[in-house]
Amino acid sequence: MSHDPNCLFCKIVAGQLPSRKVYEDESLLAFHDIHPWAPVHVLIVPKQHIAMMSDLGPEHAPLLGAMAVLAPKLMRELGVTNGFRTVINTGPDGGQEVYHLHMHVMGGPRPWLKG
């Protein structure tokens, strides 16, 4: 599994930086965003370092599928019952700030800070 020692999310995955975890298995980690845009805002990150969505290949389909399946499960567990939004920012023009693939999953009563 690849790891970037300078990557913020790799450091969180490795336990070198704290996070408010909501889920973890052998390939994924999910935790609360430290700057939430919505009442419930979690990030789902692969433990493998993949810089951005445009770096994905066919071999990553199961990983991305697992992220997509995990999103509604987490929202239900966190009490989101009226819908949620998933976002994957890719590259500078896509608004990506941390270059480790991650899915934002946001829900809860509106209005939200953004979006």
C-alpha atoms as a PDB file:
ATOM      1  CA  MET A   1       0.000   0.000   0.000  1.00  0.00           C
ATOM      2  CA  SER A   2       1.474   3.354  -0.961  1.00  0.00           C
ATOM      3  CA  HIS A   3       1.975   6.110   1.600  1.00  0.00           C
ATOM      4  CA  ASP A   4       3.209   9.694   1.213  1.00  0.00           C
ATOM      5  CA  PRO A   5       5.059  10.836   4.361  1.00  0.00           C
ATOM      6  CA  ASN A   6       4.215  14.482   3.569  1.00  0.00           C
ATOM      7  CA  CYS A   7       0.480  13.900   3.042  1.00  0.00           C
ATOM      8  CA  LEU A   8      -1.916  15.145   5.733  1.00  0.00           C
ATOM      9  CA  PHE A   9      -4.387  12.284   5.186  1.00  0.00           C
ATOM     10  CA  CYS A  10      -1.629   9.643   5.122  1.00  0.00           C
ATOM     11  CA  LYS A  11      -0.556  10.973   8.525  1.00  0.00           C
ATOM     12  CA  ILE A  12      -4.150  10.667   9.787  1.00  0.00           C
ATOM     13  CA  VAL A  13      -4.394   7.111   8.397  1.00  0.00           C
ATOM     14  CA  ALA A  14      -1.101   6.230  10.125  1.00  0.00           C
ATOM     15  CA  GLY A  15      -2.354   7.628  13.450  1.00  0.00           C
ATOM     16  CA  GLN A  16       0.284  10.375  13.469  1.00  0.00           C
ATOM     17  CA  LEU A  17      -2.390  13.095  13.532  1.00  0.00           C
ATOM     18  CA  PRO A  18      -5.667  12.965  15.462  1.00  0.00           C
ATOM     19  CA  SER A  19      -9.081  12.650  13.860  1.00  0.00           C
ATOM     20  CA  ARG A  20     -12.648  12.022  14.976  1.00  0.00           C
ATOM     21  CA  LYS A  21     -13.055   8.625  13.329  1.00  0.00           C
ATOM     22  CA  VAL A  22     -16.470   7.322  12.391  1.00  0.00           C
ATOM     23  CA  TYR A  23     -15.378   4.234  10.439  1.00  0.00           C
ATOM     24  CA  GLU A  24     -12.286   2.195   9.678  1.00  0.00           C
ATOM     25  CA  ASP A  25     -11.578  -1.051   7.861  1.00  0.00           C
ATOM     26  CA  GLU A  26      -8.572  -2.504   6.032  1.00  0.00           C
ATOM     27  CA  SER A  27      -8.887  -0.119   3.057  1.00  0.00           C
ATOM     28  CA  LEU A  28     -10.876   2.954   4.186  1.00  0.00           C
ATOM     29  CA  LEU A  29     -10.953   5.504   6.976  1.00  0.00           C
ATOM     30  CA  ALA A  30     -13.799   7.957   7.569  1.00  0.00           C
ATOM     31  CA  PHE A  31     -13.644  10.906   9.951  1.00  0.00           C
ATOM     32  CA  HIS A  32     -15.346  14.230  10.668  1.00  0.00           C
ATOM     33  CA  ASP A  33     -14.128  17.194   8.625  1.00  0.00           C
ATOM     34  CA  ILE A  34     -12.389  19.798  10.809  1.00  0.00           C
ATOM     35  CA  HIS A  35     -14.003  22.617   8.781  1.00  0.00           C
ATOM     36  CA  PRO A  36     -17.550  21.308   8.173  1.00  0.00           C
ATOM     37  CA  TRP A  37     -19.789  22.846   5.535  1.00  0.00           C
ATOM     38  CA  ALA A  38     -22.886  21.057   6.857  1.00  0.00           C
ATOM     39  CA  PRO A  39     -24.159  19.847  10.246  1.00  0.00           C
ATOM     40  CA  VAL A  40     -22.782  16.381   9.407  1.00  0.00           C
ATOM     41  CA  HIS A  41     -19.635  16.411   7.238  1.00  0.00           C
ATOM     42  CA  VAL A  42     -17.360  13.406   7.048  1.00  0.00           C
ATOM     43  CA  LEU A  43     -14.484  12.517   4.758  1.00  0.00           C
ATOM     44  CA  ILE A  44     -13.988   9.015   3.397  1.00  0.00           C
ATOM     45  CA  VAL A  45     -10.368   8.376   2.433  1.00  0.00           C
ATOM     46  CA  PRO A  46      -8.636   5.303   1.089  1.00  0.00           C
ATOM     47  CA  LYS A  47      -5.739   4.169   3.228  1.00  0.00           C
ATOM     48  CA  GLN A  48      -3.702   3.811   0.045  1.00  0.00           C
ATOM     49  CA  HIS A  49      -2.264   7.124  -1.107  1.00  0.00           C
ATOM     50  CA  ILE A  50      -3.890   8.093  -4.393  1.00  0.00           C
ATOM     51  CA  ALA A  51      -3.406  11.799  -5.076  1.00  0.00           C
ATOM     52  CA  MET A  52      -6.622  12.496  -6.973  1.00  0.00           C
ATOM     53  CA  MET A  53      -9.536  10.945  -8.803  1.00  0.00           C
ATOM     54  CA  SER A  54      -7.855  11.440 -12.173  1.00  0.00           C
ATOM     55  CA  ASP A  55      -5.143   9.002 -11.008  1.00  0.00           C
ATOM     56  CA  LEU A  56      -7.652   6.148 -10.686  1.00  0.00           C
ATOM     57  CA  GLY A  57      -7.519   3.163 -13.022  1.00  0.00           C
ATOM     58  CA  PRO A  58      -9.794   0.169 -13.549  1.00  0.00           C
ATOM     59  CA  GLU A  59      -8.055  -1.605 -10.664  1.00  0.00           C
ATOM     60  CA  HIS A  60      -9.468   1.028  -8.292  1.00  0.00           C
ATOM     61  CA  ALA A  61     -13.134   0.371  -9.145  1.00  0.00           C
ATOM     62  CA  PRO A  62     -13.752  -1.802  -6.048  1.00  0.00           C
ATOM     63  CA  LEU A  63     -12.206   0.876  -3.810  1.00  0.00           C
ATOM     64  CA  LEU A  64     -14.336   3.681  -5.230  1.00  0.00           C
ATOM     65  CA  GLY A  65     -17.390   1.415  -5.044  1.00  0.00           C
ATOM     66  CA  ALA A  66     -16.679   0.735  -1.378  1.00  0.00           C
ATOM     67  CA  MET A  67     -16.481   4.487  -0.736  1.00  0.00           C
ATOM     68  CA  ALA A  68     -19.820   5.050  -2.488  1.00  0.00           C
ATOM     69  CA  VAL A  69     -21.519   2.244  -0.544  1.00  0.00           C
ATOM     70  CA  LEU A  70     -20.115   3.467   2.770  1.00  0.00           C
ATOM     71  CA  ALA A  71     -21.482   7.014   2.349  1.00  0.00           C
ATOM     72  CA  PRO A  72     -25.208   6.239   2.913  1.00  0.00           C
ATOM     73  CA  LYS A  73     -24.393   3.795   5.714  1.00  0.00           C
ATOM     74  CA  LEU A  74     -22.489   6.496   7.604  1.00  0.00           C
ATOM     75  CA  MET A  75     -25.191   9.110   7.035  1.00  0.00           C
ATOM     76  CA  ARG A  76     -27.841   6.756   8.453  1.00  0.00           C
ATOM     77  CA  GLU A  77     -25.635   5.990  11.467  1.00  0.00           C
ATOM     78  CA  LEU A  78     -25.029   9.724  12.030  1.00  0.00           C
ATOM     79  CA  GLY A  79     -28.755  10.517  11.944  1.00  0.00           C
ATOM     80  CA  VAL A  80     -29.024  12.093   8.485  1.00  0.00           C
ATOM     81  CA  THR A  81     -32.492  11.152   7.238  1.00  0.00           C
ATOM     82  CA  ASN A  82     -33.459  13.742   4.615  1.00  0.00           C
ATOM     83  CA  GLY A  83     -30.676  13.387   2.051  1.00  0.00           C
ATOM     84  CA  PHE A  84     -26.990  14.117   1.724  1.00  0.00           C
ATOM     85  CA  ARG A  85     -24.402  15.256  -0.802  1.00  0.00           C
ATOM     86  CA  THR A  86     -21.207  13.515  -1.919  1.00  0.00           C
ATOM     87  CA  VAL A  87     -18.367  15.474  -3.498  1.00  0.00           C
ATOM     88  CA  ILE A  88     -14.931  14.470  -4.794  1.00  0.00           C
ATOM     89  CA  ASN A  89     -12.858  17.522  -5.735  1.00  0.00           C
ATOM     90  CA  THR A  90     -10.162  16.783  -8.304  1.00  0.00           C
ATOM     91  CA  GLY A  91      -7.176  18.990  -9.086  1.00  0.00           C
ATOM     92  CA  PRO A  92      -6.710  22.728  -8.637  1.00  0.00           C
ATOM     93  CA  ASP A  93      -9.593  23.743 -10.899  1.00  0.00           C
ATOM     94  CA  GLY A  94     -11.812  21.209  -9.133  1.00  0.00           C
ATOM     95  CA  GLY A  95     -11.166  22.793  -5.753  1.00  0.00           C
ATOM     96  CA  GLN A  96      -8.987  20.012  -4.322  1.00  0.00           C
ATOM     97  CA  GLU A  97      -7.013  21.204  -1.302  1.00  0.00           C
ATOM     98  CA  VAL A  98      -5.509  17.979   0.063  1.00  0.00           C
ATOM     99  CA  TYR A  99      -3.911  15.817  -2.602  1.00  0.00           C
ATOM    100  CA  HIS A 100      -5.090  12.467  -1.285  1.00  0.00           C
ATOM    101  CA  LEU A 101      -8.302  11.140  -2.848  1.00  0.00           C
ATOM    102  CA  HIS A 102     -11.231  11.775  -0.513  1.00  0.00           C
ATOM    103  CA  MET A 103     -15.011  11.897  -0.653  1.00  0.00           C
ATOM    104  CA  HIS A 104     -16.886  14.591   1.252  1.00  0.00           C
ATOM    105  CA  VAL A 105     -20.232  13.323   2.565  1.00  0.00           C
ATOM    106  CA  MET A 106     -22.437  16.122   3.879  1.00  0.00           C
ATOM    107  CA  GLY A 107     -25.941  16.137   5.298  1.00  0.00           C
ATOM    108  CA  GLY A 108     -28.233  17.542   7.905  1.00  0.00           C
ATOM    109  CA  PRO A 109     -30.736  20.382   8.030  1.00  0.00           C
ATOM    110  CA  ARG A 110     -30.201  23.318   5.688  1.00  0.00           C
ATOM    111  CA  PRO A 111     -28.992  26.003   5.273  1.00  0.00           C
ATOM    112  CA  TRP A 112     -25.391  24.884   5.052  1.00  0.00           C
ATOM    113  CA  LEU A 113     -22.299  27.052   5.147  1.00  0.00           C
ATOM    114  CA  LYS A 114     -21.535  26.237   1.505  1.00  0.00           C
ATOM    115  CA  GLY A 115     -23.309  24.444  -1.315  1.00  0.00           C
END
